[in-house]
Amino acid sequence: MSTPRRILYFLLVVGFAAAVGALVLSRPRGPVPQLKIRQGAMATGAEWLNTRKAVGGLQERLRRNPNDHEAQLQLAQAYMQEGRVTGEHAYYDAAAVQLLDKVLRADPENFEALCCKSSLSLTQHHFSEGLELARRAQEQNPHSGFVYGLLCDANVELGSYPAAVRAADRMNQVRPDLTAYSRVSYLREIHGDLPGAVEAMQMAVRAGVPGMEQTEWARVMLGHLYETTGNIPEAEKNYQLSLQYRPSYAYALAGLGRVERAQHNYPAAIKHLEKARNLVADYAFTDELTDLYRLNGEPQKAQAAARAAIRQLDASAEAANADENVGHYVDRELAFAYLKTNELDKALEHAKIEYQRRPDNIDVCETMAWVHYKRGEYAKAAQYIQKARRTNSQNPTQLCRAGLIALKTGQETAGQALIKQALAINPYLEADLADEGRKLLAAR
């Protein structure tokens, strides 16, 4: 799965929290953490006014009664949502953890606190911790649909796909809604059913309220599925519709940028991505701009963007090492970022760290395979791509990478078939990958 697609999935299905990205390292101070002022277009409109009013009311309750567990939980949830909206994840993660830990110290089996802490752990890529917390929550309430969503997410990220499917099935039995349908969509996608994935995400969009952030996440994800299958007009339609319902929505703007990129309109694509980056400090926007600047013949800007993406990710990794409450594990993302700067030893170092954490996850296995491919270590790449392909994903990026690796290891027929299949699914596959595939096909 490409980095943007993976991020979009994770942002939606975890519920509250966030992609690896915005890496503000300031910490909330005082007994009741305060809201940070939103910037730009996000600082206007009724949503921000309502958020400030609701948070202000909860903060006042806690000033009157610092042990009000209900107010602590609601405020933690509000902070997690605010981190998602603004990209200020480090600040709001720490604020939410501060509140949730207070509740759990007083009531270790508090169901809502366990769910929130599990959700937050998953967004920080602390997947084993998130799974353990979700299991504890399940013991408290085995009839909660939300719990099964957490179990699904954790098992997906740890590569336990049969368990993830069972959890998603149970969630849809208990509570068939936007978040349940979105999980079905992703599981269908990674098991090779792209039409089924589109169908489930359409159901997710219909189940939501237009304009609400969660609904527009689903709509953006639907657009990205259309991108994956090469249906650029439908992708653009969904991104434009999302912007109608939620103006200046950073992830819909980024989607339009990818639409323009697919059509080789690089200056227009850059404008969309720069606007998205200015709205939300998500490293993925900087990462995409790296490629766009290069495609647009701006190598200095491309290099600067690549280094900026690495700095953002490094800051998050360092924060996680210093305090797991404020940072994300980002080694998979760093592996790909270092590939773009041709620092292959560092790419392998970070890929290995991520693989040690979750050796069964197909995206992590694909990362290991691609890093070894770039290093010219084709036999090792073949071992990892075989493991990555075990769910029969039809993601064209994975198919093309698998085809290139097959060709380099002497599997001519299989390699050509995989590359042709990838380009048939998505003729607009990222330029470098598609060009390399076409060149190797033409040479045979």
Protein backbone atom coordinates (compact mmCIF):
# COMPACT_ATOMS: atom_id res chain seq x y z
CA MET A 1 0.00 0.00 0.00
CA SER A 2 1.34 3.45 -0.77
CA THR A 3 2.14 5.69 2.16
CA PRO A 4 -0.77 8.12 1.61
CA ARG A 5 -3.28 5.29 1.26
CA ARG A 6 -2.02 3.59 4.40
CA ILE A 7 -2.26 6.84 6.33
CA LEU A 8 -5.78 7.52 5.17
CA TYR A 9 -6.87 4.07 6.27
CA PHE A 10 -5.28 4.42 9.66
CA LEU A 11 -6.72 7.86 10.26
CA LEU A 12 -10.23 6.63 9.69
CA VAL A 13 -10.40 3.20 11.20
CA VAL A 14 -8.75 3.93 14.49
CA GLY A 15 -11.52 6.40 15.13
CA PHE A 16 -10.05 9.25 17.09
CA ALA A 17 -6.49 9.65 16.21
CA ALA A 18 -3.92 10.35 13.69
CA ALA A 19 -1.47 9.49 11.03
CA VAL A 20 2.21 9.71 11.57
CA GLY A 21 2.81 13.26 10.69
CA ALA A 22 2.40 16.41 12.66
CA LEU A 23 5.23 16.42 15.09
CA VAL A 24 4.94 19.46 17.36
CA LEU A 25 6.98 18.57 20.41
CA SER A 26 5.58 21.08 22.88
CA ARG A 27 3.96 19.49 25.91
CA PRO A 28 0.68 20.43 27.60
CA ARG A 29 1.28 22.15 30.89
CA GLY A 30 -0.78 22.58 34.02
CA PRO A 31 -3.43 20.42 35.66
CA VAL A 32 -5.90 20.94 32.79
CA PRO A 33 -4.24 21.02 29.33
CA GLN A 34 -5.39 23.89 27.14
CA LEU A 35 -6.47 24.02 23.51
CA LYS A 36 -3.94 25.36 21.05
CA ILE A 37 -5.25 28.04 18.72
CA ARG A 38 -6.06 26.68 15.28
CA GLN A 39 -4.40 28.23 12.25
CA GLY A 40 -5.78 29.52 8.96
CA ALA A 41 -9.10 28.31 7.60
CA MET A 42 -9.53 25.84 10.48
CA ALA A 43 -9.80 28.76 12.92
CA THR A 44 -13.10 29.90 11.41
CA GLY A 45 -16.56 28.40 11.36
CA ALA A 46 -18.99 26.83 13.77
CA GLU A 47 -16.95 23.67 14.36
CA TRP A 48 -14.10 25.55 16.03
CA LEU A 49 -16.52 27.62 18.11
CA ASN A 50 -18.35 24.49 19.23
CA THR A 51 -15.08 22.73 20.04
CA ARG A 52 -13.87 25.65 22.16
CA LYS A 53 -17.19 25.83 23.98
CA ALA A 54 -17.31 22.10 24.70
CA VAL A 55 -13.69 21.92 25.82
CA GLY A 56 -14.08 25.02 27.94
CA GLY A 57 -17.05 23.49 29.72
CA LEU A 58 -15.15 20.28 30.45
CA GLN A 59 -12.12 22.19 31.68
CA GLU A 60 -14.31 24.17 34.04
CA ARG A 61 -15.82 20.94 35.40
CA LEU A 62 -12.32 19.66 36.13
CA ARG A 63 -11.30 22.87 37.81
CA ARG A 64 -14.25 22.44 40.14
CA ASN A 65 -13.70 18.71 40.59
CA PRO A 66 -10.30 17.37 39.46
CA ASN A 67 -11.53 13.79 40.01
CA ASP A 68 -14.50 13.99 37.65
CA HIS A 69 -13.77 10.86 35.60
CA GLU A 70 -16.52 11.47 33.09
CA ALA A 71 -15.18 14.94 32.32
CA GLN A 72 -11.62 13.57 32.07
CA LEU A 73 -12.72 10.94 29.55
CA GLN A 74 -14.74 13.38 27.46
CA LEU A 75 -11.90 15.88 27.44
CA ALA A 76 -9.39 13.20 26.46
CA GLN A 77 -11.61 12.24 23.54
CA ALA A 78 -11.94 15.90 22.54
CA TYR A 79 -8.16 16.30 22.57
CA MET A 80 -7.68 13.17 20.48
CA GLN A 81 -10.16 14.51 17.94
CA GLU A 82 -8.51 17.92 17.94
CA GLY A 83 -5.16 16.30 17.25
CA ARG A 84 -6.72 14.53 14.31
CA VAL A 85 -8.21 17.74 12.91
CA THR A 86 -5.19 20.00 13.36
CA GLY A 87 -2.26 17.61 13.12
CA GLU A 88 -0.94 18.69 16.53
CA HIS A 89 -0.65 15.07 17.58
CA ALA A 90 2.29 15.22 19.95
CA TYR A 91 0.67 17.93 22.06
CA TYR A 92 -2.80 16.41 22.15
CA ASP A 93 -1.60 12.82 22.54
CA ALA A 94 0.23 13.83 25.70
CA ALA A 95 -2.78 15.76 26.95
CA ALA A 96 -5.10 12.81 26.36
CA VAL A 97 -2.73 10.30 27.97
CA GLN A 98 -2.40 12.55 31.01
CA LEU A 99 -6.18 12.44 31.49
CA LEU A 100 -6.67 8.77 30.64
CA ASP A 101 -3.94 7.64 33.01
CA LYS A 102 -5.61 9.56 35.84
CA VAL A 103 -8.83 7.65 35.21
CA LEU A 104 -7.09 4.28 34.92
CA ARG A 105 -5.06 4.81 38.09
CA ALA A 106 -8.30 5.33 39.98
CA ASP A 107 -10.29 2.71 38.05
CA PRO A 108 -7.98 0.26 36.22
CA GLU A 109 -10.84 -1.54 34.46
CA ASN A 110 -12.74 1.53 33.29
CA PHE A 111 -14.16 0.42 29.94
CA GLU A 112 -14.18 3.78 28.17
CA ALA A 113 -10.70 4.67 29.38
CA LEU A 114 -9.34 1.32 28.20
CA CYS A 115 -10.91 1.87 24.78
CA CYS A 116 -9.53 5.39 24.48
CA LYS A 117 -6.06 4.35 25.60
CA SER A 118 -6.12 1.44 23.17
CA SER A 119 -7.14 3.73 20.33
CA LEU A 120 -4.40 6.19 21.19
CA SER A 121 -1.80 3.42 21.42
CA LEU A 122 -2.76 2.20 17.96
CA THR A 123 -2.42 5.64 16.43
CA GLN A 124 1.06 5.90 17.92
CA HIS A 125 1.89 2.54 16.31
CA HIS A 126 2.18 0.85 19.71
CA PHE A 127 0.19 -2.03 18.32
CA SER A 128 0.90 -4.73 20.89
CA GLU A 129 -0.03 -2.39 23.72
CA GLY A 130 -3.18 -1.37 21.85
CA LEU A 131 -4.17 -5.01 21.39
CA GLU A 132 -3.67 -5.81 25.07
CA LEU A 133 -5.76 -2.81 26.14
CA ALA A 134 -8.50 -3.76 23.67
CA ARG A 135 -8.58 -7.28 25.08
CA ARG A 136 -8.95 -5.90 28.60
CA ALA A 137 -11.80 -3.71 27.39
CA GLN A 138 -13.44 -6.70 25.71
CA GLU A 139 -13.43 -8.52 29.03
CA GLN A 140 -15.39 -5.64 30.52
CA ASN A 141 -17.89 -5.45 27.68
CA PRO A 142 -17.86 -8.22 25.06
CA HIS A 143 -20.91 -6.69 23.37
CA SER A 144 -19.29 -3.41 22.29
CA GLY A 145 -18.87 -2.90 18.57
CA PHE A 146 -16.14 -0.33 19.17
CA VAL A 147 -14.00 -2.89 21.01
CA TYR A 148 -14.12 -5.23 18.03
CA GLY A 149 -13.01 -2.37 15.82
CA LEU A 150 -9.96 -1.89 18.02
CA LEU A 151 -9.26 -5.63 17.96
CA CYS A 152 -9.55 -5.59 14.17
CA ASP A 153 -7.12 -2.67 13.81
CA ALA A 154 -4.54 -4.11 16.16
CA ASN A 155 -4.61 -7.54 14.52
CA VAL A 156 -4.34 -6.01 11.04
CA GLU A 157 -1.26 -4.04 12.02
CA LEU A 158 0.33 -7.04 13.70
CA GLY A 159 -0.38 -9.21 10.65
CA SER A 160 -2.95 -11.49 12.33
CA TYR A 161 -5.38 -11.21 9.43
CA PRO A 162 -7.76 -14.10 10.27
CA ALA A 163 -8.27 -12.61 13.75
CA ALA A 164 -8.85 -9.19 12.17
CA VAL A 165 -11.52 -10.62 9.88
CA ARG A 166 -13.26 -12.30 12.81
CA ALA A 167 -13.25 -9.05 14.76
CA ALA A 168 -14.61 -7.07 11.80
CA ASP A 169 -17.37 -9.62 11.24
CA ARG A 170 -18.35 -9.38 14.89
CA MET A 171 -18.29 -5.58 14.76
CA ASN A 172 -20.64 -5.57 11.78
CA GLN A 173 -22.99 -7.91 13.63
CA VAL A 174 -23.02 -5.68 16.70
CA ARG A 175 -22.87 -2.23 15.14
CA PRO A 176 -22.94 -1.91 11.34
CA ASP A 177 -21.97 1.71 10.77
CA LEU A 178 -19.40 3.86 8.98
CA THR A 179 -16.46 2.61 11.03
CA ALA A 180 -17.53 -1.03 10.64
CA TYR A 181 -17.97 -0.78 6.88
CA SER A 182 -14.61 0.97 6.52
CA ARG A 183 -12.87 -1.94 8.19
CA VAL A 184 -14.58 -4.39 5.87
CA SER A 185 -13.39 -2.26 2.96
CA TYR A 186 -9.78 -2.40 4.01
CA LEU A 187 -9.83 -6.11 4.75
CA ARG A 188 -11.34 -6.77 1.34
CA GLU A 189 -8.68 -4.59 -0.24
CA ILE A 190 -5.73 -6.38 1.33
CA HIS A 191 -7.27 -9.75 0.41
CA GLY A 192 -7.49 -8.80 -3.25
CA ASP A 193 -11.17 -7.83 -3.59
CA LEU A 194 -10.91 -4.28 -4.91
CA PRO A 195 -14.52 -4.05 -6.20
CA GLY A 196 -15.73 -5.30 -2.81
CA ALA A 197 -13.54 -2.74 -1.07
CA VAL A 198 -15.10 0.06 -3.12
CA GLU A 199 -18.60 -1.24 -2.37
CA ALA A 200 -17.98 -1.34 1.38
CA MET A 201 -16.48 2.15 1.42
CA GLN A 202 -19.48 3.46 -0.50
CA MET A 203 -21.63 2.00 2.28
CA ALA A 204 -19.42 3.73 4.86
CA VAL A 205 -19.90 7.10 3.16
CA ARG A 206 -23.67 6.63 2.95
CA ALA A 207 -23.77 5.73 6.64
CA GLY A 208 -22.14 9.02 7.65
CA VAL A 209 -23.36 12.59 7.93
CA PRO A 210 -22.01 14.72 5.06
CA GLY A 211 -19.51 17.31 6.25
CA MET A 212 -18.59 15.51 9.45
CA GLU A 213 -14.91 14.81 9.55
CA GLN A 214 -15.29 11.06 9.82
CA THR A 215 -17.62 10.97 6.82
CA GLU A 216 -15.22 13.01 4.73
CA TRP A 217 -12.39 10.69 5.73
CA ALA A 218 -14.44 7.87 4.33
CA ARG A 219 -15.15 9.82 1.16
CA VAL A 220 -11.45 10.60 0.70
CA MET A 221 -10.64 6.93 1.22
CA LEU A 222 -13.23 6.03 -1.40
CA GLY A 223 -11.52 8.46 -3.75
CA HIS A 224 -8.19 6.83 -3.05
CA LEU A 225 -9.62 3.40 -3.82
CA TYR A 226 -10.72 4.78 -7.18
CA GLU A 227 -7.16 6.06 -7.64
CA THR A 228 -5.82 2.61 -6.87
CA THR A 229 -7.99 1.10 -9.58
CA GLY A 230 -7.14 3.81 -12.12
CA ASN A 231 -10.57 5.46 -12.07
CA ILE A 232 -9.29 9.03 -11.91
CA PRO A 233 -12.60 10.74 -12.80
CA GLU A 234 -14.41 9.06 -9.88
CA ALA A 235 -11.52 9.83 -7.57
CA GLU A 236 -11.63 13.50 -8.50
CA LYS A 237 -15.42 13.56 -8.10
CA ASN A 238 -15.16 12.31 -4.52
CA TYR A 239 -12.39 14.74 -3.57
CA GLN A 240 -14.32 17.68 -5.00
CA LEU A 241 -17.46 16.56 -3.20
CA SER A 242 -15.57 16.28 0.06
CA LEU A 243 -14.34 19.85 -0.35
CA GLN A 244 -17.89 21.02 -0.95
CA TYR A 245 -19.00 19.50 2.32
CA ARG A 246 -15.83 20.39 4.23
CA PRO A 247 -14.00 23.34 2.61
CA SER A 248 -10.20 23.49 2.90
CA TYR A 249 -10.09 19.82 3.86
CA ALA A 250 -6.40 18.98 3.68
CA TYR A 251 -6.72 15.32 2.71
CA ALA A 252 -9.20 16.05 -0.08
CA LEU A 253 -6.82 18.73 -1.38
CA ALA A 254 -4.01 16.18 -1.34
CA GLY A 255 -6.26 13.82 -3.27
CA LEU A 256 -6.79 16.45 -5.96
CA GLY A 257 -3.03 16.85 -6.05
CA ARG A 258 -2.64 13.16 -6.84
CA VAL A 259 -5.32 13.44 -9.53
CA GLU A 260 -3.35 16.26 -11.16
CA ARG A 261 -0.15 14.24 -10.83
CA ALA A 262 -1.73 11.28 -12.59
CA GLN A 263 -2.54 13.62 -15.48
CA HIS A 264 1.01 15.07 -15.42
CA ASN A 265 -0.24 18.50 -14.32
CA TYR A 266 2.60 18.88 -11.85
CA PRO A 267 2.36 22.64 -11.08
CA ALA A 268 -1.34 22.25 -10.22
CA ALA A 269 -0.58 19.16 -8.14
CA ILE A 270 2.09 21.07 -6.23
CA LYS A 271 -0.33 23.89 -5.40
CA HIS A 272 -2.84 21.44 -3.93
CA LEU A 273 -0.21 19.65 -1.85
CA GLU A 274 1.39 22.86 -0.61
CA LYS A 275 -2.01 24.12 0.48
CA ALA A 276 -2.72 20.83 2.27
CA ARG A 277 0.68 20.96 4.01
CA ASN A 278 0.01 24.51 5.18
CA LEU A 279 -3.28 23.40 6.72
CA VAL A 280 -2.11 20.23 8.49
CA ALA A 281 1.50 19.39 9.34
CA ASP A 282 1.37 15.84 8.02
CA TYR A 283 4.71 14.46 6.84
CA ALA A 284 2.95 12.61 4.00
CA PHE A 285 2.24 15.89 2.23
CA THR A 286 5.93 16.79 2.36
CA ASP A 287 6.79 13.31 1.14
CA GLU A 288 4.46 13.63 -1.84
CA LEU A 289 5.85 17.07 -2.61
CA THR A 290 9.31 15.51 -2.83
CA ASP A 291 8.18 13.47 -5.81
CA LEU A 292 6.21 16.31 -7.37
CA TYR A 293 9.10 18.79 -7.25
CA ARG A 294 11.33 16.21 -8.90
CA LEU A 295 8.77 15.46 -11.60
CA ASN A 296 8.37 19.20 -12.18
CA GLY A 297 12.11 19.63 -12.75
CA GLU A 298 12.86 21.27 -9.38
CA PRO A 299 15.58 19.04 -7.90
CA GLN A 300 16.65 21.47 -5.17
CA LYS A 301 13.12 21.77 -3.86
CA ALA A 302 12.75 18.00 -4.07
CA GLN A 303 15.89 17.46 -2.00
CA ALA A 304 14.79 20.05 0.55
CA ALA A 305 11.37 18.43 0.87
CA ALA A 306 12.93 14.98 1.29
CA ARG A 307 15.16 16.22 4.11
CA ALA A 308 12.20 18.04 5.71
CA ALA A 309 10.15 14.83 5.69
CA ILE A 310 13.00 12.97 7.39
CA ARG A 311 13.34 15.72 10.01
CA GLN A 312 9.64 15.48 10.77
CA LEU A 313 9.80 11.72 11.14
CA ASP A 314 13.02 11.82 13.15
CA ALA A 315 11.45 14.28 15.56
CA SER A 316 8.55 11.93 16.15
CA ALA A 317 10.86 8.93 16.60
CA GLU A 318 13.04 10.82 19.07
CA ALA A 319 9.95 11.92 20.99
CA ALA A 320 8.74 8.32 21.14
CA ASN A 321 12.09 7.15 22.43
CA ALA A 322 12.08 9.83 25.12
CA ASP A 323 8.42 9.48 26.09
CA GLU A 324 6.10 6.96 24.50
CA ASN A 325 3.14 9.19 25.34
CA VAL A 326 4.04 11.86 22.78
CA GLY A 327 5.67 10.19 19.80
CA HIS A 328 4.97 7.63 17.12
CA TYR A 329 6.99 4.68 15.95
CA VAL A 330 7.78 5.67 12.37
CA ASP A 331 10.51 3.31 11.21
CA ARG A 332 8.60 2.01 8.19
CA GLU A 333 8.01 5.56 7.01
CA LEU A 334 11.65 6.45 7.64
CA ALA A 335 12.77 3.47 5.56
CA PHE A 336 10.92 4.82 2.52
CA ALA A 337 12.02 8.39 3.24
CA TYR A 338 15.69 7.35 3.25
CA LEU A 339 15.20 5.51 -0.03
CA LYS A 340 14.30 8.85 -1.59
CA THR A 341 17.58 10.35 -0.43
CA ASN A 342 19.48 7.21 -1.52
CA GLU A 343 20.66 6.53 2.04
CA LEU A 344 20.24 2.80 1.67
CA ASP A 345 21.96 1.74 4.89
CA LYS A 346 19.66 3.94 6.96
CA ALA A 347 16.65 2.69 5.01
CA LEU A 348 17.57 -0.90 5.85
CA GLU A 349 18.24 -0.03 9.49
CA HIS A 350 14.75 1.37 9.97
CA ALA A 351 13.07 -1.34 7.91
CA LYS A 352 14.66 -3.95 10.16
CA ILE A 353 13.50 -2.18 13.32
CA GLU A 354 9.92 -2.17 12.04
CA TYR A 355 10.18 -5.79 10.95
CA GLN A 356 11.30 -6.79 14.44
CA ARG A 357 8.16 -5.18 15.83
CA ARG A 358 5.72 -6.79 13.40
CA PRO A 359 7.21 -9.44 11.16
CA ASP A 360 3.84 -10.72 9.98
CA ASN A 361 2.44 -7.46 8.62
CA ILE A 362 2.35 -7.55 4.82
CA ASP A 363 3.19 -3.85 4.42
CA VAL A 364 6.25 -4.25 6.62
CA CYS A 365 7.34 -7.32 4.64
CA GLU A 366 6.88 -5.34 1.42
CA THR A 367 9.01 -2.55 2.89
CA MET A 368 11.82 -5.02 3.65
CA ALA A 369 11.52 -6.45 0.14
CA TRP A 370 11.71 -3.05 -1.55
CA VAL A 371 14.64 -1.83 0.52
CA HIS A 372 16.59 -4.98 -0.37
CA TYR A 373 15.61 -4.53 -4.03
CA LYS A 374 16.96 -0.99 -4.03
CA ARG A 375 20.16 -2.30 -2.49
CA GLY A 376 20.51 -4.88 -5.27
CA GLU A 377 19.92 -7.75 -2.83
CA TYR A 378 17.36 -9.50 -4.99
CA ALA A 379 17.34 -12.92 -3.35
CA LYS A 380 16.51 -11.35 0.03
CA ALA A 381 13.91 -9.14 -1.62
CA ALA A 382 12.24 -12.24 -3.07
CA GLN A 383 11.96 -13.84 0.37
CA TYR A 384 10.17 -10.86 1.86
CA ILE A 385 7.90 -10.14 -1.09
CA GLN A 386 6.67 -13.72 -1.01
CA LYS A 387 5.58 -13.19 2.58
CA ALA A 388 4.03 -9.84 1.69
CA ARG A 389 1.97 -11.45 -1.09
CA ARG A 390 0.33 -14.07 1.12
CA THR A 391 -3.06 -12.27 1.32
CA ASN A 392 -3.28 -12.07 -2.50
CA SER A 393 -3.47 -8.29 -2.46
CA GLN A 394 -4.18 -6.72 -5.83
CA ASN A 395 -2.64 -3.40 -4.89
CA PRO A 396 -0.88 -2.39 -8.11
CA THR A 397 2.15 -0.96 -6.31
CA GLN A 398 2.77 -4.25 -4.56
CA LEU A 399 2.13 -6.20 -7.76
CA CYS A 400 4.61 -4.10 -9.72
CA ARG A 401 7.27 -4.35 -7.04
CA ALA A 402 6.74 -8.11 -6.88
CA GLY A 403 7.08 -8.28 -10.66
CA LEU A 404 10.32 -6.31 -10.68
CA ILE A 405 11.77 -8.54 -7.98
CA ALA A 406 10.70 -11.64 -9.90
CA LEU A 407 12.41 -10.43 -13.06
CA LYS A 408 15.61 -9.75 -11.15
CA THR A 409 15.60 -13.26 -9.73
CA GLY A 410 15.09 -15.01 -13.05
CA GLN A 411 11.33 -15.56 -12.86
CA GLU A 412 10.64 -14.06 -16.27
CA THR A 413 7.10 -15.29 -16.87
CA ALA A 414 5.83 -14.52 -13.38
CA GLY A 415 7.52 -11.12 -13.32
CA GLN A 416 6.10 -9.99 -16.65
CA ALA A 417 2.62 -11.16 -15.66
CA LEU A 418 2.71 -9.25 -12.35
CA ILE A 419 3.87 -6.01 -13.96
CA LYS A 420 1.24 -6.26 -16.71
CA GLN A 421 -1.41 -6.95 -14.08
CA ALA A 422 -0.34 -3.91 -12.05
CA LEU A 423 -0.47 -1.58 -15.05
CA ALA A 424 -3.83 -2.99 -16.13
CA ILE A 425 -5.34 -2.26 -12.71
CA ASN A 426 -3.86 1.23 -12.52
CA PRO A 427 -2.35 2.78 -15.67
CA TYR A 428 -1.54 5.85 -13.55
CA LEU A 429 0.81 4.02 -11.22
CA GLU A 430 3.51 6.25 -9.71
CA ALA A 431 5.85 7.31 -12.47
CA ASP A 432 9.16 5.81 -11.35
CA LEU A 433 7.71 2.41 -10.59
CA ALA A 434 5.65 2.24 -13.77
CA ASP A 435 8.55 3.44 -15.93
CA GLU A 436 10.91 0.85 -14.47
CA GLY A 437 8.32 -1.86 -15.05
CA ARG A 438 7.70 -0.82 -18.65
CA LYS A 439 11.41 -0.62 -19.41
CA LEU A 440 12.07 -4.11 -18.10
CA LEU A 441 9.09 -5.45 -20.06
CA ALA A 442 10.30 -3.78 -23.24
CA ALA A 443 13.79 -5.21 -22.77
CA ARG A 444 12.45 -8.79 -22.86
